[in-house]
Amino acid sequence: MALPFLSLPNAAQRAYIAARLAAPPPASALGLSDGHRLPGREGATRPAAVLVALVDRSEGVNVLLTERSAALADHPGQISFPGGRVEPNDASAARAALREAFEETGLPDARVTLLGELPHYTTVTGFDVTPVVGWVAPPFALMPDPTEVADVFEVPLAFLLEPANQKRHFRMMGEVRRDYWAIPYAERYIWGATAAMLMMFDRVLREGAGAA
């Protein structure tokens, strides 16, 4: 089912999203971490944060995503939200998400209004991720860090929230089957933690769809 709020003007979409994030998350948005941990990444998780950046474009709301550098140790070449570890000097997960977004893409935090947070997500690499949702007001210039980011691009929010585009795929890891969410977009393959967090966002927004 298409979400009715997507037909509203951008400002009304922003208000709807903020209201849904302020409410307790529905049960359907919880427990979407796949439960799998890579060898050597077991044990206590490490705090991290990502920025789910919603870009206020005249043609509609877009989501800012990055393609990670193939040289990175964790999740090389994958599509992700800008983000990373929460450092000791970060006052909050939100500040960490804004800092990491600036370091990775050059997105200035002055252009970002924070709307709220999604439930935590645990990655296979042992990070406890807080997805922080922010509204981004153009214009802004990006300067991606080539050591971390191969590309920065935007995907329409309506595409990501369309159920027909949300796929359930699997891979075999030896004799173990690993199921995961994927949202293919043109030549991009959005999958794993990023797709799962988008599914969390979808379910948070879908819970209040009747009110839009």
N, C-alpha and C. Protein backbone atom coordinates (compact mmCIF):
# COMPACT_ATOMS: atom_id res chain seq x y z
N MET A 1 0.83 -1.19 0.00
CA MET A 1 0.00 0.00 0.00
C MET A 1 0.87 1.24 0.00
N ALA A 2 0.63 2.17 -0.92
CA ALA A 2 1.36 3.43 -0.95
C ALA A 2 0.96 4.26 0.27
N LEU A 3 1.90 4.98 0.81
CA LEU A 3 1.64 5.79 2.00
C LEU A 3 0.99 7.12 1.60
N PRO A 4 -0.18 7.44 2.13
CA PRO A 4 -0.89 8.65 1.73
C PRO A 4 -0.11 9.93 1.96
N PHE A 5 0.72 9.98 3.00
CA PHE A 5 1.42 11.23 3.30
C PHE A 5 2.37 11.66 2.18
N LEU A 6 2.76 10.71 1.32
CA LEU A 6 3.68 11.04 0.23
C LEU A 6 3.06 11.95 -0.81
N SER A 7 1.74 12.06 -0.82
CA SER A 7 1.08 12.96 -1.76
C SER A 7 0.95 14.38 -1.20
N LEU A 8 1.36 14.60 0.04
CA LEU A 8 1.29 15.91 0.67
C LEU A 8 2.46 16.79 0.23
N PRO A 9 2.34 18.10 0.38
CA PRO A 9 3.50 18.98 0.15
C PRO A 9 4.65 18.60 1.08
N ASN A 10 5.88 18.95 0.67
CA ASN A 10 7.05 18.55 1.43
C ASN A 10 6.98 18.98 2.89
N ALA A 11 6.51 20.20 3.15
CA ALA A 11 6.45 20.69 4.53
C ALA A 11 5.52 19.83 5.38
N ALA A 12 4.41 19.39 4.79
CA ALA A 12 3.48 18.52 5.52
C ALA A 12 4.08 17.14 5.71
N GLN A 13 4.85 16.65 4.75
CA GLN A 13 5.54 15.37 4.92
C GLN A 13 6.52 15.45 6.08
N ARG A 14 7.24 16.56 6.16
CA ARG A 14 8.19 16.75 7.26
C ARG A 14 7.47 16.69 8.60
N ALA A 15 6.35 17.36 8.72
CA ALA A 15 5.59 17.37 9.98
C ALA A 15 5.09 15.97 10.32
N TYR A 16 4.63 15.24 9.31
CA TYR A 16 4.13 13.88 9.53
C TYR A 16 5.26 12.98 10.03
N ILE A 17 6.42 13.06 9.37
CA ILE A 17 7.55 12.22 9.76
C ILE A 17 7.98 12.54 11.19
N ALA A 18 8.08 13.82 11.54
CA ALA A 18 8.47 14.20 12.89
C ALA A 18 7.49 13.67 13.92
N ALA A 19 6.20 13.72 13.61
CA ALA A 19 5.17 13.23 14.54
C ALA A 19 5.29 11.73 14.74
N ARG A 20 5.54 11.00 13.66
CA ARG A 20 5.66 9.55 13.79
C ARG A 20 6.91 9.17 14.59
N LEU A 21 8.00 9.90 14.38
CA LEU A 21 9.23 9.60 15.12
C LEU A 21 9.10 9.94 16.60
N ALA A 22 8.23 10.88 16.93
CA ALA A 22 8.02 11.25 18.33
C ALA A 22 7.18 10.22 19.08
N ALA A 23 6.45 9.39 18.35
CA ALA A 23 5.61 8.36 18.96
C ALA A 23 6.43 7.10 19.21
N PRO A 24 6.00 6.26 20.13
CA PRO A 24 6.70 4.99 20.34
C PRO A 24 6.72 4.17 19.05
N PRO A 25 7.83 3.52 18.74
CA PRO A 25 7.89 2.74 17.51
C PRO A 25 6.97 1.53 17.56
N PRO A 26 6.36 1.17 16.45
CA PRO A 26 5.50 -0.03 16.43
C PRO A 26 6.34 -1.29 16.58
N ALA A 27 5.71 -2.34 17.03
CA ALA A 27 6.41 -3.62 17.21
C ALA A 27 7.03 -4.11 15.90
N SER A 28 6.39 -3.79 14.77
CA SER A 28 6.87 -4.25 13.46
C SER A 28 8.22 -3.63 13.09
N ALA A 29 8.59 -2.51 13.74
CA ALA A 29 9.85 -1.84 13.44
C ALA A 29 10.98 -2.32 14.33
N LEU A 30 10.69 -3.23 15.26
CA LEU A 30 11.69 -3.72 16.20
C LEU A 30 12.19 -5.11 15.79
N GLY A 31 13.38 -5.42 16.21
CA GLY A 31 13.90 -6.77 15.99
C GLY A 31 14.26 -7.09 14.55
N LEU A 32 14.60 -6.07 13.75
CA LEU A 32 14.93 -6.32 12.34
C LEU A 32 16.41 -6.61 12.12
N SER A 33 17.24 -6.48 13.16
CA SER A 33 18.64 -6.91 13.03
C SER A 33 18.65 -8.40 12.72
N ASP A 34 19.56 -8.82 11.85
CA ASP A 34 19.48 -10.21 11.38
C ASP A 34 19.98 -11.22 12.39
N GLY A 35 20.58 -10.76 13.50
CA GLY A 35 21.01 -11.68 14.55
C GLY A 35 22.32 -12.37 14.25
N HIS A 36 22.88 -12.13 13.06
CA HIS A 36 24.14 -12.78 12.67
C HIS A 36 25.30 -11.85 12.98
N ARG A 37 26.39 -12.39 13.50
CA ARG A 37 27.61 -11.62 13.75
C ARG A 37 28.76 -12.33 13.05
N LEU A 38 29.61 -11.55 12.41
CA LEU A 38 30.76 -12.11 11.72
C LEU A 38 31.75 -12.67 12.73
N PRO A 39 32.51 -13.71 12.35
CA PRO A 39 33.52 -14.27 13.25
C PRO A 39 34.48 -13.18 13.71
N GLY A 40 34.75 -13.16 15.01
CA GLY A 40 35.63 -12.15 15.58
C GLY A 40 34.92 -10.88 15.98
N ARG A 41 33.63 -10.76 15.64
CA ARG A 41 32.85 -9.57 15.99
C ARG A 41 31.79 -9.88 17.05
N GLU A 42 31.93 -11.00 17.72
CA GLU A 42 30.99 -11.34 18.77
C GLU A 42 31.30 -10.50 20.01
N GLY A 43 30.44 -10.59 21.01
CA GLY A 43 30.68 -9.88 22.25
C GLY A 43 29.96 -8.54 22.29
N ALA A 44 30.45 -7.64 23.12
CA ALA A 44 29.80 -6.35 23.32
C ALA A 44 29.80 -5.53 22.03
N THR A 45 28.69 -4.83 21.80
CA THR A 45 28.59 -3.97 20.63
C THR A 45 29.26 -2.62 20.89
N ARG A 46 29.55 -1.91 19.81
CA ARG A 46 30.14 -0.58 19.90
C ARG A 46 29.12 0.42 19.37
N PRO A 47 28.93 1.56 20.05
CA PRO A 47 27.92 2.53 19.61
C PRO A 47 28.31 3.23 18.32
N ALA A 48 27.33 3.38 17.45
CA ALA A 48 27.52 4.09 16.19
C ALA A 48 26.23 4.83 15.86
N ALA A 49 26.31 5.72 14.89
CA ALA A 49 25.14 6.49 14.48
C ALA A 49 25.23 6.77 12.99
N VAL A 50 24.08 6.80 12.33
CA VAL A 50 24.03 7.18 10.92
C VAL A 50 22.98 8.27 10.76
N LEU A 51 23.13 9.05 9.69
CA LEU A 51 22.18 10.11 9.39
C LEU A 51 21.29 9.68 8.23
N VAL A 52 20.00 9.53 8.50
CA VAL A 52 19.01 9.31 7.45
C VAL A 52 18.60 10.70 6.97
N ALA A 53 19.29 11.18 5.96
CA ALA A 53 19.16 12.57 5.52
C ALA A 53 18.06 12.67 4.46
N LEU A 54 16.97 13.37 4.78
CA LEU A 54 15.85 13.58 3.87
C LEU A 54 16.03 14.94 3.21
N VAL A 55 16.26 14.93 1.92
CA VAL A 55 16.57 16.16 1.20
C VAL A 55 15.31 16.77 0.61
N ASP A 56 15.05 18.02 0.93
CA ASP A 56 13.83 18.73 0.53
C ASP A 56 14.00 19.27 -0.89
N ARG A 57 13.74 18.43 -1.88
CA ARG A 57 13.85 18.83 -3.28
C ARG A 57 12.49 19.28 -3.82
N SER A 58 12.50 20.16 -4.81
CA SER A 58 11.24 20.66 -5.37
C SER A 58 10.44 19.54 -6.02
N GLU A 59 11.12 18.54 -6.56
CA GLU A 59 10.44 17.42 -7.22
C GLU A 59 9.99 16.34 -6.24
N GLY A 60 10.35 16.48 -4.96
CA GLY A 60 9.97 15.51 -3.94
C GLY A 60 11.09 15.29 -2.95
N VAL A 61 10.80 14.56 -1.90
CA VAL A 61 11.79 14.30 -0.85
C VAL A 61 12.69 13.14 -1.28
N ASN A 62 14.00 13.35 -1.17
CA ASN A 62 14.98 12.32 -1.49
C ASN A 62 15.73 11.89 -0.24
N VAL A 63 16.35 10.72 -0.30
CA VAL A 63 17.21 10.22 0.77
C VAL A 63 18.65 10.22 0.27
N LEU A 64 19.55 10.81 1.05
CA LEU A 64 20.97 10.89 0.69
C LEU A 64 21.67 9.59 1.12
N LEU A 65 22.34 8.96 0.17
CA LEU A 65 23.06 7.72 0.45
C LEU A 65 24.48 7.81 -0.10
N THR A 66 25.34 6.96 0.43
CA THR A 66 26.71 6.91 -0.06
C THR A 66 27.06 5.50 -0.53
N GLU A 67 28.02 5.44 -1.43
CA GLU A 67 28.66 4.16 -1.77
C GLU A 67 30.00 4.14 -1.07
N ARG A 68 30.19 3.20 -0.18
CA ARG A 68 31.41 3.14 0.61
C ARG A 68 32.61 2.75 -0.26
N SER A 69 33.75 3.27 0.10
CA SER A 69 34.97 2.94 -0.61
C SER A 69 35.24 1.44 -0.57
N ALA A 70 35.74 0.91 -1.66
CA ALA A 70 36.07 -0.52 -1.72
C ALA A 70 37.26 -0.86 -0.84
N ALA A 71 37.99 0.17 -0.36
CA ALA A 71 39.17 -0.08 0.45
C ALA A 71 38.87 -0.16 1.94
N LEU A 72 37.63 0.11 2.34
CA LEU A 72 37.29 0.10 3.76
C LEU A 72 37.26 -1.33 4.30
N ALA A 73 37.61 -1.47 5.58
CA ALA A 73 37.63 -2.80 6.19
C ALA A 73 36.23 -3.34 6.43
N ASP A 74 35.29 -2.46 6.82
CA ASP A 74 33.92 -2.87 7.12
C ASP A 74 32.98 -2.46 6.00
N HIS A 75 32.20 -3.41 5.49
CA HIS A 75 31.17 -3.15 4.48
C HIS A 75 31.73 -2.42 3.25
N PRO A 76 32.86 -2.86 2.68
CA PRO A 76 33.43 -2.17 1.53
C PRO A 76 32.50 -2.21 0.32
N GLY A 77 32.39 -1.07 -0.36
CA GLY A 77 31.61 -0.98 -1.59
C GLY A 77 30.11 -1.00 -1.42
N GLN A 78 29.62 -1.12 -0.19
CA GLN A 78 28.18 -1.20 0.02
C GLN A 78 27.54 0.18 0.05
N ILE A 79 26.23 0.20 -0.18
CA ILE A 79 25.45 1.42 -0.07
C ILE A 79 25.10 1.63 1.39
N SER A 80 25.29 2.85 1.88
CA SER A 80 25.04 3.10 3.30
C SER A 80 24.58 4.53 3.53
N PHE A 81 24.07 4.77 4.72
CA PHE A 81 23.87 6.13 5.19
C PHE A 81 25.22 6.67 5.65
N PRO A 82 25.45 7.98 5.55
CA PRO A 82 26.66 8.52 6.16
C PRO A 82 26.61 8.31 7.67
N GLY A 83 27.73 7.92 8.26
CA GLY A 83 27.74 7.69 9.69
C GLY A 83 28.96 6.90 10.11
N GLY A 84 29.04 6.61 11.40
CA GLY A 84 30.17 5.87 11.92
C GLY A 84 30.11 5.77 13.43
N ARG A 85 31.25 5.52 14.04
CA ARG A 85 31.31 5.30 15.49
C ARG A 85 30.96 6.57 16.26
N VAL A 86 30.33 6.37 17.41
CA VAL A 86 30.12 7.47 18.35
C VAL A 86 31.42 7.61 19.15
N GLU A 87 32.05 8.78 19.05
CA GLU A 87 33.31 9.02 19.74
C GLU A 87 33.05 9.58 21.14
N PRO A 88 34.04 9.46 22.05
CA PRO A 88 33.85 9.93 23.44
C PRO A 88 33.46 11.40 23.54
N ASN A 89 33.92 12.22 22.59
CA ASN A 89 33.61 13.65 22.66
C ASN A 89 32.30 14.01 21.97
N ASP A 90 31.57 13.03 21.45
CA ASP A 90 30.25 13.29 20.87
C ASP A 90 29.23 13.39 21.99
N ALA A 91 28.50 14.49 22.02
CA ALA A 91 27.53 14.71 23.09
C ALA A 91 26.34 13.76 23.01
N SER A 92 26.08 13.24 21.82
CA SER A 92 24.92 12.37 21.61
C SER A 92 25.11 11.61 20.31
N ALA A 93 24.24 10.63 20.09
CA ALA A 93 24.26 9.91 18.82
C ALA A 93 23.94 10.86 17.67
N ALA A 94 23.04 11.82 17.91
CA ALA A 94 22.69 12.78 16.86
C ALA A 94 23.90 13.61 16.45
N ARG A 95 24.68 14.06 17.45
CA ARG A 95 25.88 14.85 17.12
C ARG A 95 26.88 13.98 16.36
N ALA A 96 27.00 12.72 16.74
CA ALA A 96 27.91 11.82 16.04
C ALA A 96 27.47 11.66 14.58
N ALA A 97 26.17 11.49 14.36
CA ALA A 97 25.66 11.32 12.99
C ALA A 97 25.94 12.55 12.15
N LEU A 98 25.73 13.74 12.71
CA LEU A 98 26.00 14.98 11.98
C LEU A 98 27.49 15.14 11.69
N ARG A 99 28.32 14.84 12.68
CA ARG A 99 29.76 14.95 12.49
C ARG A 99 30.25 14.01 11.41
N GLU A 100 29.80 12.75 11.50
CA GLU A 100 30.24 11.76 10.51
C GLU A 100 29.74 12.12 9.11
N ALA A 101 28.51 12.63 9.01
CA ALA A 101 27.97 13.02 7.70
C ALA A 101 28.82 14.13 7.09
N PHE A 102 29.26 15.08 7.92
CA PHE A 102 30.11 16.16 7.41
C PHE A 102 31.47 15.63 7.01
N GLU A 103 32.05 14.76 7.85
CA GLU A 103 33.38 14.24 7.54
C GLU A 103 33.37 13.39 6.27
N GLU A 104 32.32 12.62 6.07
CA GLU A 104 32.27 11.71 4.92
C GLU A 104 31.84 12.40 3.63
N THR A 105 30.87 13.32 3.74
CA THR A 105 30.28 13.89 2.52
C THR A 105 30.43 15.39 2.40
N GLY A 106 30.77 16.07 3.48
CA GLY A 106 30.82 17.52 3.47
C GLY A 106 29.48 18.18 3.72
N LEU A 107 28.45 17.40 4.06
CA LEU A 107 27.13 17.97 4.33
C LEU A 107 27.20 18.84 5.58
N PRO A 108 26.94 20.16 5.46
CA PRO A 108 27.03 21.03 6.64
C PRO A 108 25.84 20.83 7.57
N ASP A 109 26.11 20.68 8.86
CA ASP A 109 25.02 20.42 9.79
C ASP A 109 24.09 21.61 9.93
N ALA A 110 24.52 22.79 9.49
CA ALA A 110 23.64 23.96 9.52
C ALA A 110 22.45 23.81 8.57
N ARG A 111 22.56 22.90 7.61
CA ARG A 111 21.47 22.67 6.65
C ARG A 111 20.55 21.54 7.11
N VAL A 112 20.83 20.95 8.29
CA VAL A 112 20.10 19.77 8.75
C VAL A 112 19.28 20.12 10.00
N THR A 113 17.99 19.80 9.95
CA THR A 113 17.13 19.90 11.12
C THR A 113 16.79 18.49 11.57
N LEU A 114 17.12 18.16 12.81
CA LEU A 114 16.87 16.81 13.30
C LEU A 114 15.39 16.61 13.58
N LEU A 115 14.86 15.46 13.12
CA LEU A 115 13.44 15.15 13.30
C LEU A 115 13.20 14.07 14.35
N GLY A 116 14.18 13.25 14.63
CA GLY A 116 14.00 12.18 15.59
C GLY A 116 14.90 11.00 15.28
N GLU A 117 14.67 9.90 15.96
CA GLU A 117 15.51 8.71 15.81
C GLU A 117 14.65 7.47 15.60
N LEU A 118 15.23 6.50 14.90
CA LEU A 118 14.62 5.19 14.73
C LEU A 118 15.16 4.24 15.80
N PRO A 119 14.54 3.08 15.97
CA PRO A 119 15.09 2.09 16.91
C PRO A 119 16.52 1.68 16.53
N HIS A 120 17.27 1.23 17.49
CA HIS A 120 18.65 0.81 17.25
C HIS A 120 18.69 -0.41 16.33
N TYR A 121 19.82 -0.54 15.64
CA TYR A 121 20.04 -1.68 14.75
C TYR A 121 21.44 -2.22 15.02
N THR A 122 21.56 -3.53 15.22
CA THR A 122 22.86 -4.16 15.44
C THR A 122 23.38 -4.77 14.14
N THR A 123 24.57 -4.36 13.73
CA THR A 123 25.14 -4.84 12.47
C THR A 123 25.90 -6.14 12.67
N VAL A 124 26.19 -6.82 11.56
CA VAL A 124 26.96 -8.06 11.62
C VAL A 124 28.38 -7.81 12.08
N THR A 125 28.84 -6.54 11.98
CA THR A 125 30.20 -6.20 12.40
C THR A 125 30.24 -5.74 13.86
N GLY A 126 29.10 -5.82 14.57
CA GLY A 126 29.10 -5.57 16.00
C GLY A 126 28.87 -4.14 16.42
N PHE A 127 28.26 -3.33 15.56
CA PHE A 127 27.94 -1.95 15.93
C PHE A 127 26.47 -1.84 16.31
N ASP A 128 26.22 -1.10 17.39
CA ASP A 128 24.87 -0.79 17.83
C ASP A 128 24.53 0.60 17.25
N VAL A 129 23.78 0.61 16.16
CA VAL A 129 23.60 1.83 15.37
C VAL A 129 22.30 2.55 15.75
N THR A 130 22.42 3.86 15.97
CA THR A 130 21.26 4.72 16.14
C THR A 130 21.02 5.45 14.83
N PRO A 131 19.92 5.17 14.11
CA PRO A 131 19.62 5.92 12.89
C PRO A 131 18.93 7.25 13.27
N VAL A 132 19.58 8.35 12.93
CA VAL A 132 19.09 9.69 13.24
C VAL A 132 18.50 10.29 11.96
N VAL A 133 17.26 10.71 12.03
CA VAL A 133 16.57 11.25 10.84
C VAL A 133 16.68 12.77 10.84
N GLY A 134 17.15 13.33 9.72
CA GLY A 134 17.29 14.77 9.60
C GLY A 134 16.70 15.29 8.30
N TRP A 135 16.17 16.50 8.35
CA TRP A 135 15.60 17.17 7.17
C TRP A 135 16.64 18.12 6.63
N VAL A 136 17.01 17.97 5.35
CA VAL A 136 18.10 18.74 4.76
C VAL A 136 17.53 19.78 3.80
N ALA A 137 17.89 21.03 4.04
CA ALA A 137 17.41 22.13 3.21
C ALA A 137 18.47 22.54 2.20
N PRO A 138 18.22 22.33 0.89
CA PRO A 138 19.15 22.84 -0.12
C PRO A 138 19.13 24.38 -0.10
N PRO A 139 20.16 25.03 -0.68
CA PRO A 139 21.28 24.40 -1.40
C PRO A 139 22.40 24.02 -0.45
N PHE A 140 23.18 23.04 -0.85
CA PHE A 140 24.37 22.67 -0.11
C PHE A 140 25.35 22.04 -1.10
N ALA A 141 26.63 22.20 -0.80
CA ALA A 141 27.68 21.61 -1.64
C ALA A 141 28.31 20.45 -0.89
N LEU A 142 28.54 19.36 -1.58
CA LEU A 142 29.14 18.19 -0.97
C LEU A 142 30.60 18.04 -1.39
N MET A 143 31.42 17.57 -0.48
CA MET A 143 32.83 17.28 -0.75
C MET A 143 33.16 15.93 -0.13
N PRO A 144 32.82 14.84 -0.84
CA PRO A 144 33.04 13.50 -0.26
C PRO A 144 34.51 13.23 0.03
N ASP A 145 34.75 12.53 1.14
CA ASP A 145 36.09 12.08 1.50
C ASP A 145 36.41 10.83 0.68
N PRO A 146 37.35 10.90 -0.26
CA PRO A 146 37.60 9.75 -1.14
C PRO A 146 38.14 8.53 -0.43
N THR A 147 38.68 8.69 0.77
CA THR A 147 39.18 7.52 1.49
C THR A 147 38.03 6.69 2.07
N GLU A 148 36.86 7.29 2.25
CA GLU A 148 35.72 6.58 2.81
C GLU A 148 34.55 6.42 1.86
N VAL A 149 34.42 7.36 0.92
CA VAL A 149 33.22 7.41 0.09
C VAL A 149 33.59 7.39 -1.39
N ALA A 150 33.03 6.42 -2.11
CA ALA A 150 33.25 6.35 -3.56
C ALA A 150 32.26 7.21 -4.32
N ASP A 151 31.05 7.40 -3.76
CA ASP A 151 30.03 8.19 -4.45
C ASP A 151 28.96 8.60 -3.45
N VAL A 152 28.28 9.72 -3.76
CA VAL A 152 27.13 10.19 -2.99
C VAL A 152 25.99 10.39 -3.97
N PHE A 153 24.80 9.92 -3.63
CA PHE A 153 23.67 10.04 -4.54
C PHE A 153 22.38 10.12 -3.74
N GLU A 154 21.29 10.43 -4.42
CA GLU A 154 19.99 10.53 -3.77
C GLU A 154 18.99 9.57 -4.42
N VAL A 155 18.07 9.07 -3.60
CA VAL A 155 17.01 8.17 -4.05
C VAL A 155 15.68 8.75 -3.57
N PRO A 156 14.67 8.82 -4.43
CA PRO A 156 13.37 9.32 -3.97
C PRO A 156 12.83 8.53 -2.79
N LEU A 157 12.38 9.22 -1.76
CA LEU A 157 11.80 8.55 -0.60
C LEU A 157 10.62 7.68 -1.01
N ALA A 158 9.81 8.15 -1.95
CA ALA A 158 8.64 7.38 -2.39
C ALA A 158 9.06 6.03 -2.97
N PHE A 159 10.19 5.99 -3.67
CA PHE A 159 10.68 4.72 -4.23
C PHE A 159 11.04 3.76 -3.11
N LEU A 160 11.73 4.25 -2.09
CA LEU A 160 12.18 3.39 -0.99
C LEU A 160 11.03 2.87 -0.16
N LEU A 161 9.93 3.62 -0.11
CA LEU A 161 8.78 3.23 0.70
C LEU A 161 7.72 2.46 -0.09
N GLU A 162 7.99 2.21 -1.36
CA GLU A 162 7.05 1.45 -2.19
C GLU A 162 7.24 -0.05 -1.92
N PRO A 163 6.21 -0.73 -1.41
CA PRO A 163 6.36 -2.15 -1.06
C PRO A 163 6.85 -3.02 -2.22
N ALA A 164 6.47 -2.68 -3.45
CA ALA A 164 6.90 -3.49 -4.59
C ALA A 164 8.41 -3.46 -4.79
N ASN A 165 9.07 -2.43 -4.24
CA ASN A 165 10.52 -2.30 -4.41
C ASN A 165 11.30 -2.92 -3.25
N GLN A 166 10.62 -3.36 -2.23
CA GLN A 166 11.26 -3.93 -1.04
C GLN A 166 11.31 -5.45 -1.17
N LYS A 167 12.50 -5.98 -1.32
CA LYS A 167 12.68 -7.40 -1.61
C LYS A 167 13.28 -8.14 -0.41
N ARG A 168 12.96 -9.41 -0.33
CA ARG A 168 13.58 -10.29 0.67
C ARG A 168 14.49 -11.24 -0.09
N HIS A 169 15.80 -11.12 0.10
CA HIS A 169 16.78 -11.94 -0.58
C HIS A 169 17.54 -12.79 0.44
N PHE A 170 18.37 -13.69 -0.06
CA PHE A 170 19.20 -14.49 0.85
C PHE A 170 20.52 -14.85 0.17
N ARG A 171 21.49 -15.15 1.01
CA ARG A 171 22.78 -15.64 0.56
C ARG A 171 23.16 -16.83 1.44
N MET A 172 23.90 -17.76 0.85
CA MET A 172 24.40 -18.90 1.61
C MET A 172 25.81 -18.58 2.10
N MET A 173 26.02 -18.72 3.40
CA MET A 173 27.35 -18.56 3.99
C MET A 173 27.77 -19.93 4.48
N GLY A 174 28.44 -20.66 3.58
CA GLY A 174 28.70 -22.06 3.86
C GLY A 174 27.38 -22.82 3.80
N GLU A 175 27.01 -23.44 4.91
CA GLU A 175 25.74 -24.17 4.97
C GLU A 175 24.65 -23.35 5.66
N VAL A 176 24.96 -22.11 6.00
CA VAL A 176 24.01 -21.26 6.71
C VAL A 176 23.35 -20.29 5.72
N ARG A 177 22.03 -20.26 5.74
CA ARG A 177 21.29 -19.33 4.90
C ARG A 177 21.09 -18.02 5.66
N ARG A 178 21.46 -16.91 5.03
CA ARG A 178 21.27 -15.60 5.63
C ARG A 178 20.25 -14.83 4.81
N ASP A 179 19.10 -14.51 5.42
CA ASP A 179 18.07 -13.72 4.76
C ASP A 179 18.25 -12.25 5.10
N TYR A 180 17.94 -11.38 4.16
CA TYR A 180 18.12 -9.95 4.40
C TYR A 180 17.20 -9.15 3.47
N TRP A 181 16.99 -7.88 3.82
CA TRP A 181 16.22 -6.97 2.99
C TRP A 181 17.09 -6.35 1.92
N ALA A 182 16.49 -6.07 0.78
CA ALA A 182 17.18 -5.39 -0.32
C ALA A 182 16.18 -4.50 -1.04
N ILE A 183 16.68 -3.34 -1.49
CA ILE A 183 15.87 -2.41 -2.28
C ILE A 183 16.70 -2.00 -3.48
N PRO A 184 16.72 -2.79 -4.55
CA PRO A 184 17.50 -2.43 -5.73
C PRO A 184 16.98 -1.13 -6.34
N TYR A 185 17.92 -0.26 -6.76
CA TYR A 185 17.55 1.02 -7.36
C TYR A 185 18.47 1.28 -8.54
N ALA A 186 17.92 1.18 -9.78
CA ALA A 186 18.72 1.31 -10.99
C ALA A 186 19.91 0.35 -10.88
N GLU A 187 21.15 0.88 -11.01
CA GLU A 187 22.32 0.00 -10.91
C GLU A 187 22.79 -0.18 -9.49
N ARG A 188 22.11 0.45 -8.53
CA ARG A 188 22.50 0.35 -7.13
C ARG A 188 21.80 -0.83 -6.46
N TYR A 189 22.50 -1.44 -5.50
CA TYR A 189 21.92 -2.54 -4.74
C TYR A 189 21.97 -2.16 -3.27
N ILE A 190 20.86 -1.68 -2.76
CA ILE A 190 20.76 -1.28 -1.36
C ILE A 190 20.32 -2.51 -0.57
N TRP A 191 21.15 -2.95 0.36
CA TRP A 191 20.82 -4.20 1.04
C TRP A 191 21.39 -4.20 2.46
N GLY A 192 21.15 -5.29 3.18
CA GLY A 192 21.73 -5.46 4.50
C GLY A 192 21.23 -4.44 5.50
N ALA A 193 22.15 -3.88 6.28
CA ALA A 193 21.78 -2.96 7.36
C ALA A 193 21.06 -1.73 6.84
N THR A 194 21.51 -1.17 5.73
CA THR A 194 20.88 0.04 5.19
C THR A 194 19.44 -0.24 4.78
N ALA A 195 19.22 -1.33 4.06
CA ALA A 195 17.86 -1.68 3.66
C ALA A 195 17.00 -1.99 4.87
N ALA A 196 17.56 -2.66 5.87
CA ALA A 196 16.79 -2.99 7.08
C ALA A 196 16.38 -1.73 7.82
N MET A 197 17.29 -0.75 7.92
CA MET A 197 16.94 0.50 8.58
C MET A 197 15.88 1.28 7.80
N LEU A 198 15.94 1.18 6.48
CA LEU A 198 14.88 1.78 5.67
C LEU A 198 13.55 1.07 5.91
N MET A 199 13.58 -0.24 6.11
CA MET A 199 12.35 -0.96 6.43
C MET A 199 11.82 -0.55 7.80
N MET A 200 12.70 -0.30 8.75
CA MET A 200 12.28 0.22 10.04
C MET A 200 11.58 1.56 9.87
N PHE A 201 12.17 2.44 9.06
CA PHE A 201 11.60 3.75 8.78
C PHE A 201 10.23 3.58 8.12
N ASP A 202 10.14 2.68 7.16
CA ASP A 202 8.88 2.40 6.47
C ASP A 202 7.80 2.00 7.48
N ARG A 203 8.13 1.12 8.39
CA ARG A 203 7.12 0.61 9.33
C ARG A 203 6.74 1.67 10.37
N VAL A 204 7.67 2.51 10.76
CA VAL A 204 7.34 3.62 11.65
C VAL A 204 6.35 4.58 10.97
N LEU A 205 6.61 4.87 9.70
CA LEU A 205 5.73 5.79 8.96
C LEU A 205 4.41 5.14 8.62
N ARG A 206 4.44 3.86 8.30
CA ARG A 206 3.23 3.16 7.89
C ARG A 206 2.24 2.99 9.05
N GLU A 207 2.77 2.92 10.28
CA GLU A 207 1.93 2.73 11.45
C GLU A 207 0.87 3.84 11.58
N GLY A 208 1.24 5.05 11.18
CA GLY A 208 0.29 6.17 11.31
C GLY A 208 -0.29 6.62 9.99
N ALA A 209 -0.24 5.74 8.99
CA ALA A 209 -0.66 6.14 7.64
C ALA A 209 -2.10 6.61 7.59
N GLY A 210 -2.95 6.04 8.42
CA GLY A 210 -4.35 6.43 8.39
C GLY A 210 -4.60 7.85 8.84
N ALA A 211 -3.59 8.43 9.52
CA ALA A 211 -3.76 9.79 10.02
C ALA A 211 -3.32 10.84 9.02
N ALA A 212 -2.68 10.43 7.91
CA ALA A 212 -2.16 11.40 6.96
C ALA A 212 -3.27 12.00 6.12
